Amino acid sequence: MATSIESTEPRPGDVLVVFGITGDLARVMTFRSLYRLEARGLLDCPIVGVAVDDWSMEKLIERARTSIVATGETLDEAVFTRFTDRLSYVAGDFADPATYERVGKAIQGAQTPVYYLEIPPFLFAKVIEGLSTAGLSTEARFVVEKPFGHDQQSARDLAAELHQYVDESQLFRIDHYLGKMGLEEILHLRFANAILEPVWSRNYLDSVQITMAESFGVDDRGSFYDPVGALRDVVVNHLMQLVAAAAMEPPSRGDLHTVKESQVALFRAVVEADPAHYVRGQYDGYQEIKGVKAGSTTETYAALRLDIENWRWAGVPFFIRTGKRLPVTQTELRLVFKRPPKLGFWPKNHDPEPNQLVIKLDPSTGIRFQVDARRTDLGRIGPIELDMEFEAEGGEGATPYEVLLHAALVGDSTRFSRQDGIEETWRVMQPLLDAPPTVLPYAPGSWGPQAGEDIVAGFGGWRAPWVKA
């Protein structure tokens, strides 16, 4: 196993090598993100693309151009030229040792290469072995895409396979949700504000709701999605990262080890999920999608309850739901407070909605406080909403892959998942994989199967997500 390279001041990467640069992920994410980093003056190293396709540089540059424009980005020709001047290309089979010899020549002189493996997970070990055998891995960083296994054991097996060639500290596991307003930003919001931290606990909260709704469907991704499903695709990674950001204790220091230890400590406190509090759904028409197996029981909707056994959260359920072909596209974290006691001066039959604090994360970011106040238009007490779009104060943030690729280049692994955290999230979800309930149909455009409402019975039901007007 390679020697750990983790240090207080990591050395910046001096070349970025993108395996799979001709693939779909590069087309929809990578080219745009690297272009935007170039525009912000944050890209200062060569970029070497590696793929099996026998492409010319002209074809690669044209793919970069069309990919960036297709995202709606306005192309600045001067920036684009600076970006493409960094590009070079190596064609070759990932199983062929000669490919890694050519990569070695292309990055000759680099001391801290960053390898971005936007390829299927079954190829990770093959590529890392090839780089290691060619002597190109010792001081390198390896950025790998999810999924990190399909259950707890396979996650362990994958890590063991990769650790034959590289140290854990060299692995940067991308979860693009950690490039959004994720762990770091929510921690600052919680703990840098004295009015928020005391109420962020069982003393004041009735429940926590996390919703990741998507109005679109699986479309042309049937062959990828059908073996995976909603639980594996987003709950065990994206949404568990939100649980950690919402529930972990404040790290005593800002160093990477302390932050990760606080996150993993939270995961260890989460009780294994109960299949009795889990609903699976599949939208009508899913089985007609190309690549979906006949009679598929893959869920496109998942709703579940989690409980956390520690002093801060005991007795406060965390409700999670996600689904495709729902009414809106929105991801949010919602704190639902306990109801106030009934008071004599209230109007007769007044039963106020609980106060709520909402943090929306995608497609835009913002914060909302819902409180009760006397409303002239209603002639009585009613809810009012205090909203703030973060882009209105501070401007538009970087896209997730901009954040993550830059973090990998500078060696900041705070936004990347650690192996023990991955194993803990699989532990939590494993009972739902071992004993999944029957998948229930739901109509596209609805909020999923009616049984999903039963998950939040006794807690006021699911709240409709806050969608930007």
Protein backbone atom coordinates (compact mmCIF):
# COMPACT_ATOMS: atom_id res chain seq x y z
CA MET A 1 0.00 0.00 0.00
CA ALA A 2 1.22 3.48 -0.82
CA THR A 3 2.35 5.80 1.94
CA SER A 4 -0.26 8.29 3.17
CA ILE A 5 0.05 11.70 1.53
CA GLU A 6 -2.36 13.51 3.88
CA SER A 7 -0.75 16.62 5.33
CA THR A 8 -1.65 19.97 6.80
CA GLU A 9 -0.70 21.78 3.59
CA PRO A 10 -1.36 19.50 0.62
CA ARG A 11 0.60 20.18 -2.53
CA PRO A 12 -1.56 21.53 -5.40
CA GLY A 13 -2.07 19.21 -8.34
CA ASP A 14 0.13 20.10 -11.31
CA VAL A 15 -1.76 18.13 -13.97
CA LEU A 16 -5.35 16.90 -14.26
CA VAL A 17 -5.80 13.59 -16.09
CA VAL A 18 -9.42 12.83 -17.01
CA PHE A 19 -10.12 9.17 -17.76
CA GLY A 20 -13.33 8.89 -19.80
CA ILE A 21 -13.18 12.40 -21.23
CA THR A 22 -15.22 11.38 -24.30
CA GLY A 23 -18.12 10.12 -22.17
CA ASP A 24 -21.47 11.55 -21.10
CA LEU A 25 -20.36 12.93 -17.74
CA ALA A 26 -17.65 15.01 -19.39
CA ARG A 27 -20.20 16.21 -21.92
CA VAL A 28 -22.78 17.37 -19.37
CA MET A 29 -20.54 18.40 -16.45
CA THR A 30 -16.77 18.30 -16.77
CA PHE A 31 -16.07 20.53 -19.76
CA ARG A 32 -18.36 23.26 -18.45
CA SER A 33 -16.90 23.09 -14.94
CA LEU A 34 -13.30 23.28 -16.16
CA TYR A 35 -14.19 26.14 -18.50
CA ARG A 36 -15.75 28.08 -15.62
CA LEU A 37 -12.68 27.46 -13.45
CA GLU A 38 -10.60 28.85 -16.31
CA ALA A 39 -12.84 31.91 -16.47
CA ARG A 40 -12.39 32.49 -12.73
CA GLY A 41 -8.62 32.18 -12.95
CA LEU A 42 -8.57 29.00 -10.86
CA LEU A 43 -7.20 26.60 -13.47
CA ASP A 44 -3.42 26.64 -13.72
CA CYS A 45 -2.33 23.18 -14.90
CA PRO A 46 -2.40 21.04 -18.05
CA ILE A 47 -5.38 18.75 -18.70
CA VAL A 48 -4.85 15.34 -20.27
CA GLY A 49 -7.88 13.45 -21.54
CA VAL A 50 -7.72 9.65 -21.75
CA ALA A 51 -10.27 7.41 -23.46
CA VAL A 52 -10.50 4.41 -25.74
CA ASP A 53 -11.88 6.47 -28.64
CA ASP A 54 -9.46 7.31 -31.43
CA TRP A 55 -10.16 11.04 -31.47
CA SER A 56 -8.17 13.90 -32.93
CA MET A 57 -7.53 17.04 -30.90
CA GLU A 58 -9.87 18.88 -33.24
CA LYS A 59 -12.70 16.50 -32.38
CA LEU A 60 -12.00 16.77 -28.64
CA ILE A 61 -12.02 20.58 -28.80
CA GLU A 62 -15.26 20.55 -30.77
CA ARG A 63 -16.80 18.22 -28.17
CA ALA A 64 -15.69 20.67 -25.46
CA ARG A 65 -17.27 23.59 -27.33
CA THR A 66 -20.62 21.91 -28.00
CA SER A 67 -20.76 20.53 -24.45
CA ILE A 68 -20.24 23.95 -22.85
CA VAL A 69 -22.71 25.71 -25.14
CA ALA A 70 -25.33 22.98 -24.58
CA THR A 71 -25.39 23.78 -20.85
CA GLY A 72 -26.51 27.34 -21.60
CA GLU A 73 -23.13 28.83 -20.80
CA THR A 74 -22.21 31.94 -22.79
CA LEU A 75 -18.91 31.14 -24.43
CA ASP A 76 -16.10 33.66 -24.16
CA GLU A 77 -13.73 32.78 -27.01
CA ALA A 78 -10.64 34.08 -25.21
CA VAL A 79 -11.41 31.99 -22.14
CA PHE A 80 -12.24 28.96 -24.29
CA THR A 81 -8.94 29.28 -26.15
CA ARG A 82 -6.99 29.46 -22.88
CA PHE A 83 -8.85 26.38 -21.70
CA THR A 84 -8.31 24.30 -24.85
CA ASP A 85 -4.64 25.31 -24.97
CA ARG A 86 -4.30 23.23 -21.80
CA LEU A 87 -5.84 20.14 -23.41
CA SER A 88 -4.06 17.10 -24.78
CA TYR A 89 -5.38 13.62 -25.50
CA VAL A 90 -4.22 10.02 -25.05
CA ALA A 91 -6.18 7.24 -26.76
CA GLY A 92 -5.91 3.69 -25.47
CA ASP A 93 -7.53 0.69 -23.87
CA PHE A 94 -7.55 0.87 -20.07
CA ALA A 95 -6.43 -2.78 -19.94
CA ASP A 96 -3.35 -2.12 -22.08
CA PRO A 97 -0.11 -1.26 -20.20
CA ALA A 98 1.00 0.80 -23.22
CA THR A 99 -1.82 3.25 -22.48
CA TYR A 100 -0.23 4.11 -19.13
CA GLU A 101 3.16 4.48 -20.74
CA ARG A 102 1.64 7.10 -23.03
CA VAL A 103 -0.02 8.79 -20.06
CA GLY A 104 3.36 8.85 -18.30
CA LYS A 105 4.93 10.62 -21.28
CA ALA A 106 2.04 13.10 -21.45
CA ILE A 107 2.47 14.11 -17.78
CA GLN A 108 6.25 13.82 -17.61
CA GLY A 109 7.65 16.03 -14.86
CA ALA A 110 4.40 16.27 -12.89
CA GLN A 111 4.91 15.79 -9.15
CA THR A 112 1.28 15.68 -7.97
CA PRO A 113 -1.00 14.39 -10.73
CA VAL A 114 -4.74 14.38 -10.09
CA TYR A 115 -6.51 11.52 -11.86
CA TYR A 116 -10.24 11.99 -12.37
CA LEU A 117 -11.88 8.63 -13.08
CA GLU A 118 -15.26 9.47 -14.62
CA ILE A 119 -15.66 5.85 -15.64
CA PRO A 120 -17.79 2.94 -14.31
CA PRO A 121 -16.71 1.71 -10.85
CA PHE A 122 -15.76 -1.74 -12.17
CA LEU A 123 -12.90 -0.02 -14.01
CA PHE A 124 -11.52 1.89 -11.00
CA ALA A 125 -9.16 -0.84 -9.86
CA LYS A 126 -8.05 -1.61 -13.41
CA VAL A 127 -7.03 2.01 -14.06
CA ILE A 128 -5.46 2.56 -10.63
CA GLU A 129 -3.52 -0.70 -10.97
CA GLY A 130 -2.28 0.39 -14.39
CA LEU A 131 -1.13 3.76 -13.06
CA SER A 132 0.48 2.14 -10.04
CA THR A 133 2.33 -0.45 -12.14
CA ALA A 134 3.59 2.34 -14.39
CA GLY A 135 4.95 4.20 -11.35
CA LEU A 136 2.48 7.06 -11.71
CA SER A 137 0.54 6.80 -8.44
CA THR A 138 2.84 7.49 -5.49
CA GLU A 139 2.10 11.18 -4.93
CA ALA A 140 -1.14 11.26 -6.88
CA ARG A 141 -4.76 11.92 -5.99
CA PHE A 142 -7.57 9.79 -7.41
CA VAL A 143 -11.03 11.30 -7.86
CA VAL A 144 -13.68 8.59 -8.31
CA GLU A 145 -17.39 8.81 -9.04
CA LYS A 146 -20.21 7.11 -7.13
CA PRO A 147 -21.64 4.54 -6.65
CA PHE A 148 -19.22 3.27 -4.03
CA GLY A 149 -20.57 -0.27 -3.97
CA HIS A 150 -24.18 -1.44 -4.02
CA ASP A 151 -24.35 -2.52 -0.36
CA GLN A 152 -22.10 -2.54 2.70
CA GLN A 153 -20.07 -5.59 1.73
CA SER A 154 -19.45 -4.49 -1.85
CA ALA A 155 -18.37 -1.05 -0.58
CA ARG A 156 -15.80 -2.79 1.64
CA ASP A 157 -14.68 -5.02 -1.22
CA LEU A 158 -14.21 -2.06 -3.56
CA ALA A 159 -12.17 -0.17 -0.98
CA ALA A 160 -10.00 -3.23 -0.30
CA GLU A 161 -9.36 -3.59 -4.02
CA LEU A 162 -8.31 0.05 -4.40
CA HIS A 163 -6.23 0.03 -1.21
CA GLN A 164 -3.97 -2.59 -2.78
CA TYR A 165 -2.51 0.23 -4.83
CA VAL A 166 -3.25 3.53 -3.07
CA ASP A 167 -3.75 4.87 0.42
CA GLU A 168 -7.19 5.97 1.64
CA SER A 169 -5.94 9.55 1.88
CA GLN A 170 -5.32 9.55 -1.88
CA LEU A 171 -8.96 8.72 -2.71
CA PHE A 172 -11.36 11.61 -3.33
CA ARG A 173 -14.85 10.14 -3.70
CA ILE A 174 -17.12 12.58 -5.50
CA ASP A 175 -20.68 13.11 -4.33
CA HIS A 176 -21.83 16.14 -6.28
CA TYR A 177 -24.21 17.14 -3.48
CA LEU A 178 -21.18 18.03 -1.39
CA GLY A 179 -20.37 20.61 -4.05
CA LYS A 180 -23.73 22.29 -3.54
CA MET A 181 -24.66 24.10 -0.36
CA GLY A 182 -23.66 21.08 1.68
CA LEU A 183 -21.76 20.08 4.76
CA GLU A 184 -19.56 23.14 5.16
CA GLU A 185 -22.21 25.80 4.47
CA ILE A 186 -24.90 24.23 6.64
CA LEU A 187 -22.43 23.80 9.50
CA HIS A 188 -21.58 27.50 9.30
CA LEU A 189 -25.25 28.42 9.22
CA ARG A 190 -25.98 26.27 12.25
CA PHE A 191 -23.04 27.10 14.46
CA ALA A 192 -22.05 30.63 13.45
CA ASN A 193 -25.46 31.98 14.49
CA ALA A 194 -26.30 32.09 18.17
CA ILE A 195 -30.03 32.41 17.44
CA LEU A 196 -30.03 29.08 15.56
CA GLU A 197 -27.77 26.64 17.40
CA PRO A 198 -29.84 26.32 20.63
CA VAL A 199 -33.08 25.50 18.78
CA TRP A 200 -31.44 22.96 16.47
CA SER A 201 -32.19 20.01 18.77
CA ARG A 202 -34.82 17.78 20.39
CA ASN A 203 -35.65 20.55 22.86
CA TYR A 204 -37.45 22.56 20.17
CA LEU A 205 -37.92 20.37 17.10
CA ASP A 206 -40.76 17.97 16.34
CA SER A 207 -39.22 16.47 13.21
CA VAL A 208 -36.81 17.05 10.34
CA GLN A 209 -37.87 16.57 6.72
CA ILE A 210 -35.50 16.16 3.79
CA THR A 211 -37.03 16.19 0.32
CA MET A 212 -35.31 15.64 -3.00
CA ALA A 213 -38.04 15.94 -5.63
CA GLU A 214 -37.47 15.70 -9.36
CA SER A 215 -40.16 16.50 -11.92
CA PHE A 216 -38.31 14.61 -14.67
CA GLY A 217 -38.05 10.87 -15.14
CA VAL A 218 -35.38 8.31 -15.93
CA ASP A 219 -35.69 9.07 -19.67
CA ASP A 220 -32.73 7.54 -21.58
CA ARG A 221 -30.92 6.27 -18.48
CA GLY A 222 -32.96 3.10 -18.02
CA SER A 223 -30.05 0.68 -18.33
CA PHE A 224 -28.11 2.60 -15.66
CA TYR A 225 -30.99 3.35 -13.30
CA ASP A 226 -32.84 0.04 -13.27
CA PRO A 227 -30.14 -1.95 -11.40
CA VAL A 228 -29.78 0.90 -8.89
CA GLY A 229 -33.04 2.58 -7.86
CA ALA A 230 -33.75 5.62 -5.71
CA LEU A 231 -32.38 4.26 -2.43
CA ARG A 232 -28.95 3.42 -3.84
CA ASP A 233 -28.87 6.32 -6.29
CA VAL A 234 -29.46 9.22 -3.92
CA VAL A 235 -30.51 8.26 -0.38
CA VAL A 236 -27.43 6.34 0.78
CA ASN A 237 -25.12 9.08 -0.46
CA HIS A 238 -26.64 12.50 -1.29
CA LEU A 239 -29.35 12.57 1.34
CA MET A 240 -27.33 10.93 4.08
CA GLN A 241 -24.78 13.71 3.55
CA LEU A 242 -27.60 16.16 4.26
CA VAL A 243 -28.51 14.23 7.40
CA ALA A 244 -24.91 14.60 8.56
CA ALA A 245 -24.81 18.32 7.81
CA ALA A 246 -28.09 18.85 9.63
CA ALA A 247 -27.37 16.68 12.66
CA MET A 248 -23.64 16.35 13.41
CA GLU A 249 -22.01 18.04 16.37
CA PRO A 250 -19.73 21.03 15.77
CA PRO A 251 -16.16 19.94 15.03
CA SER A 252 -13.76 21.21 17.69
CA ARG A 253 -11.29 22.25 14.98
CA GLY A 254 -11.42 22.90 11.26
CA ASP A 255 -8.85 20.34 10.19
CA LEU A 256 -9.94 17.56 7.87
CA HIS A 257 -9.58 14.72 10.40
CA THR A 258 -11.71 16.46 13.05
CA VAL A 259 -14.47 17.37 10.60
CA LYS A 260 -14.63 13.82 9.23
CA GLU A 261 -14.63 12.31 12.72
CA SER A 262 -17.63 14.46 13.68
CA GLN A 263 -19.46 13.39 10.54
CA VAL A 264 -18.78 9.69 11.02
CA ALA A 265 -19.73 9.93 14.71
CA LEU A 266 -23.15 11.13 13.60
CA PHE A 267 -23.55 8.28 11.13
CA ARG A 268 -22.68 5.82 13.89
CA ALA A 269 -25.51 7.25 16.01
CA VAL A 270 -28.13 6.66 13.30
CA VAL A 271 -30.21 3.57 14.00
CA GLU A 272 -30.47 0.99 11.22
CA ALA A 273 -33.50 1.85 9.11
CA ASP A 274 -36.66 -0.15 9.70
CA PRO A 275 -38.41 -1.63 6.61
CA ALA A 276 -41.72 -1.02 8.44
CA HIS A 277 -41.05 2.71 7.97
CA TYR A 278 -40.06 2.52 4.31
CA VAL A 279 -42.25 3.00 1.23
CA ARG A 280 -41.13 2.27 -2.32
CA GLY A 281 -42.88 3.53 -5.44
CA GLN A 282 -42.52 3.30 -9.20
CA TYR A 283 -44.13 5.81 -11.56
CA ASP A 284 -46.52 4.58 -14.23
CA GLY A 285 -44.74 4.16 -17.55
CA TYR A 286 -41.31 3.45 -16.05
CA GLN A 287 -41.28 -0.11 -17.37
CA GLU A 288 -41.73 1.11 -20.96
CA ILE A 289 -38.38 2.92 -20.83
CA LYS A 290 -35.60 1.46 -22.93
CA GLY A 291 -33.13 -0.45 -20.76
CA VAL A 292 -35.64 -1.22 -17.99
CA LYS A 293 -36.24 -4.93 -17.47
CA ALA A 294 -39.73 -6.31 -17.96
CA GLY A 295 -41.47 -6.65 -14.61
CA SER A 296 -38.87 -4.44 -12.89
CA THR A 297 -39.46 -3.78 -9.19
CA THR A 298 -36.90 -0.94 -9.03
CA GLU A 299 -38.13 2.01 -7.01
CA THR A 300 -38.24 5.51 -8.50
CA TYR A 301 -39.66 6.86 -5.21
CA ALA A 302 -38.49 6.20 -1.67
CA ALA A 303 -39.77 7.54 1.65
CA LEU A 304 -38.36 6.47 4.99
CA ARG A 305 -37.83 7.38 8.62
CA LEU A 306 -34.50 7.52 10.42
CA ASP A 307 -33.85 7.88 14.14
CA ILE A 308 -30.68 9.12 15.81
CA GLU A 309 -29.72 7.87 19.25
CA ASN A 310 -27.78 10.68 20.87
CA TRP A 311 -28.46 13.49 23.34
CA ARG A 312 -29.25 16.13 20.72
CA TRP A 313 -31.66 14.14 18.56
CA ALA A 314 -33.28 11.33 20.58
CA GLY A 315 -37.00 11.29 19.81
CA VAL A 316 -36.81 13.53 16.73
CA PRO A 317 -37.52 11.54 13.54
CA PHE A 318 -35.73 12.41 10.31
CA PHE A 319 -38.06 11.84 7.37
CA ILE A 320 -36.51 11.42 3.92
CA ARG A 321 -38.30 11.27 0.59
CA THR A 322 -37.09 11.35 -2.97
CA GLY A 323 -38.68 10.54 -6.28
CA LYS A 324 -38.79 11.07 -9.99
CA ARG A 325 -41.77 12.44 -11.94
CA LEU A 326 -42.97 14.35 -8.89
CA PRO A 327 -44.72 17.76 -9.25
CA VAL A 328 -41.59 19.92 -8.84
CA THR A 329 -37.80 19.79 -8.86
CA GLN A 330 -36.50 20.91 -5.49
CA THR A 331 -34.18 19.68 -2.75
CA GLU A 332 -34.61 21.08 0.75
CA LEU A 333 -33.89 20.55 4.43
CA ARG A 334 -36.83 21.51 6.65
CA LEU A 335 -36.86 21.80 10.45
CA VAL A 336 -40.41 21.52 11.87
CA PHE A 337 -40.67 22.97 15.37
CA LYS A 338 -42.88 21.83 18.21
CA ARG A 339 -46.28 23.46 18.43
CA PRO A 340 -46.63 26.27 20.96
CA PRO A 341 -48.97 25.72 23.93
CA LYS A 342 -52.54 26.94 23.61
CA LEU A 343 -52.95 30.39 25.16
CA GLY A 344 -56.06 32.15 26.39
CA PHE A 345 -55.66 35.30 24.30
CA TRP A 346 -55.61 33.40 21.02
CA PRO A 347 -58.68 33.57 18.79
CA LYS A 348 -61.13 30.75 19.33
CA ASN A 349 -60.23 27.53 17.48
CA HIS A 350 -56.87 28.93 16.41
CA ASP A 351 -54.45 26.05 15.78
CA PRO A 352 -51.24 27.51 14.36
CA GLU A 353 -49.00 25.67 11.92
CA PRO A 354 -45.66 24.87 13.58
CA ASN A 355 -42.78 27.26 12.94
CA GLN A 356 -40.44 25.99 10.26
CA LEU A 357 -36.94 26.72 9.04
CA VAL A 358 -36.27 25.71 5.44
CA ILE A 359 -32.94 25.55 3.65
CA LYS A 360 -33.30 24.91 -0.05
CA LEU A 361 -30.32 23.51 -1.88
CA ASP A 362 -31.25 22.83 -5.48
CA PRO A 363 -31.85 24.14 -8.09
CA SER A 364 -31.39 27.41 -6.18
CA THR A 365 -30.30 28.05 -2.60
CA GLY A 366 -31.99 30.08 0.10
CA ILE A 367 -33.39 30.15 3.61
CA ARG A 368 -36.97 30.63 4.85
CA PHE A 369 -38.42 31.17 8.30
CA GLN A 370 -42.12 30.48 8.69
CA VAL A 371 -43.60 32.11 11.77
CA ASP A 372 -47.07 33.14 12.97
CA ALA A 373 -48.10 36.80 13.16
CA ARG A 374 -51.25 38.90 12.96
CA ARG A 375 -52.11 39.45 9.30
CA THR A 376 -54.24 42.39 8.23
CA ASP A 377 -55.29 40.66 5.03
CA LEU A 378 -56.65 37.71 6.98
CA GLY A 379 -57.97 39.67 9.92
CA ARG A 380 -56.42 37.12 12.22
CA ILE A 381 -53.17 35.36 13.15
CA GLY A 382 -51.63 33.43 10.27
CA PRO A 383 -48.29 32.20 8.92
CA ILE A 384 -45.84 34.63 7.32
CA GLU A 385 -42.72 33.62 5.43
CA LEU A 386 -39.38 35.39 5.72
CA ASP A 387 -37.40 34.40 2.64
CA MET A 388 -33.92 35.10 1.36
CA GLU A 389 -32.40 33.81 -1.86
CA PHE A 390 -28.67 33.43 -1.27
CA GLU A 391 -27.85 34.68 -4.75
CA ALA A 392 -29.44 38.01 -3.76
CA GLU A 393 -26.78 38.48 -1.07
CA GLY A 394 -23.40 37.22 -2.20
CA GLY A 395 -24.15 36.40 -5.81
CA GLU A 396 -24.43 33.14 -7.69
CA GLY A 397 -22.20 30.38 -6.38
CA ALA A 398 -20.00 28.01 -8.33
CA THR A 399 -21.53 24.87 -9.82
CA PRO A 400 -20.99 21.64 -7.82
CA TYR A 401 -18.37 20.15 -10.13
CA GLU A 402 -16.46 23.43 -10.20
CA VAL A 403 -16.26 23.28 -6.42
CA LEU A 404 -15.26 19.62 -6.32
CA LEU A 405 -12.72 19.60 -9.13
CA HIS A 406 -11.03 22.69 -7.72
CA ALA A 407 -11.01 21.10 -4.24
CA ALA A 408 -9.35 17.99 -5.68
CA LEU A 409 -6.75 20.08 -7.50
CA VAL A 410 -5.79 22.02 -4.37
CA GLY A 411 -5.95 18.90 -2.17
CA ASP A 412 -8.92 19.86 0.04
CA SER A 413 -10.72 16.57 0.78
CA THR A 414 -13.28 18.07 3.18
CA ARG A 415 -16.03 17.77 0.56
CA PHE A 416 -15.27 14.13 -0.27
CA SER A 417 -16.52 10.99 1.44
CA ARG A 418 -14.29 8.83 3.65
CA GLN A 419 -14.50 5.04 3.57
CA ASP A 420 -15.70 4.53 7.15
CA GLY A 421 -18.50 7.05 6.56
CA ILE A 422 -19.55 5.19 3.42
CA GLU A 423 -19.66 1.90 5.29
CA GLU A 424 -21.78 3.46 8.04
CA THR A 425 -24.37 4.83 5.61
CA TRP A 426 -24.63 1.41 3.99
CA ARG A 427 -25.06 -0.11 7.47
CA VAL A 428 -28.01 2.19 8.09
CA MET A 429 -29.69 1.31 4.79
CA GLN A 430 -28.83 -2.41 4.65
CA PRO A 431 -32.10 -3.63 6.28
CA LEU A 432 -34.05 -1.83 3.55
CA LEU A 433 -32.01 -3.65 0.91
CA ASP A 434 -32.37 -7.00 2.66
CA ALA A 435 -36.15 -6.80 3.16
CA PRO A 436 -37.57 -4.26 0.68
CA PRO A 437 -41.34 -3.73 0.79
CA THR A 438 -43.48 -4.17 -2.32
CA VAL A 439 -43.03 -1.41 -4.85
CA LEU A 440 -46.24 0.62 -5.30
CA PRO A 441 -47.37 2.41 -8.48
CA TYR A 442 -47.92 6.16 -8.63
CA ALA A 443 -49.06 8.58 -11.28
CA PRO A 444 -46.47 10.90 -12.85
CA GLY A 445 -46.96 14.40 -11.49
CA SER A 446 -48.23 13.14 -8.13
CA TRP A 447 -46.36 13.08 -4.81
CA GLY A 448 -45.82 9.34 -4.99
CA PRO A 449 -47.87 6.46 -3.62
CA GLN A 450 -50.40 7.34 -0.95
CA ALA A 451 -48.60 5.03 1.48
CA GLY A 452 -45.76 7.55 1.52
CA GLU A 453 -47.98 9.81 3.60
CA ASP A 454 -48.17 7.13 6.29
CA ILE A 455 -44.45 7.59 6.98
CA VAL A 456 -45.14 11.02 8.50
CA ALA A 457 -48.44 10.13 10.19
CA GLY A 458 -48.69 11.95 13.50
CA PHE A 459 -46.16 14.60 12.46
CA GLY A 460 -48.32 16.85 10.33
CA GLY A 461 -47.63 15.21 6.98
CA TRP A 462 -45.13 16.12 4.31
CA ARG A 463 -44.74 19.85 3.76
CA ALA A 464 -44.80 21.07 0.18
CA PRO A 465 -41.30 22.11 -0.87
CA TRP A 466 -40.40 25.78 -1.15
CA VAL A 467 -39.97 26.40 -4.86
CA LYS A 468 -38.57 29.67 -6.17
CA ALA A 469 -41.32 31.73 -7.80
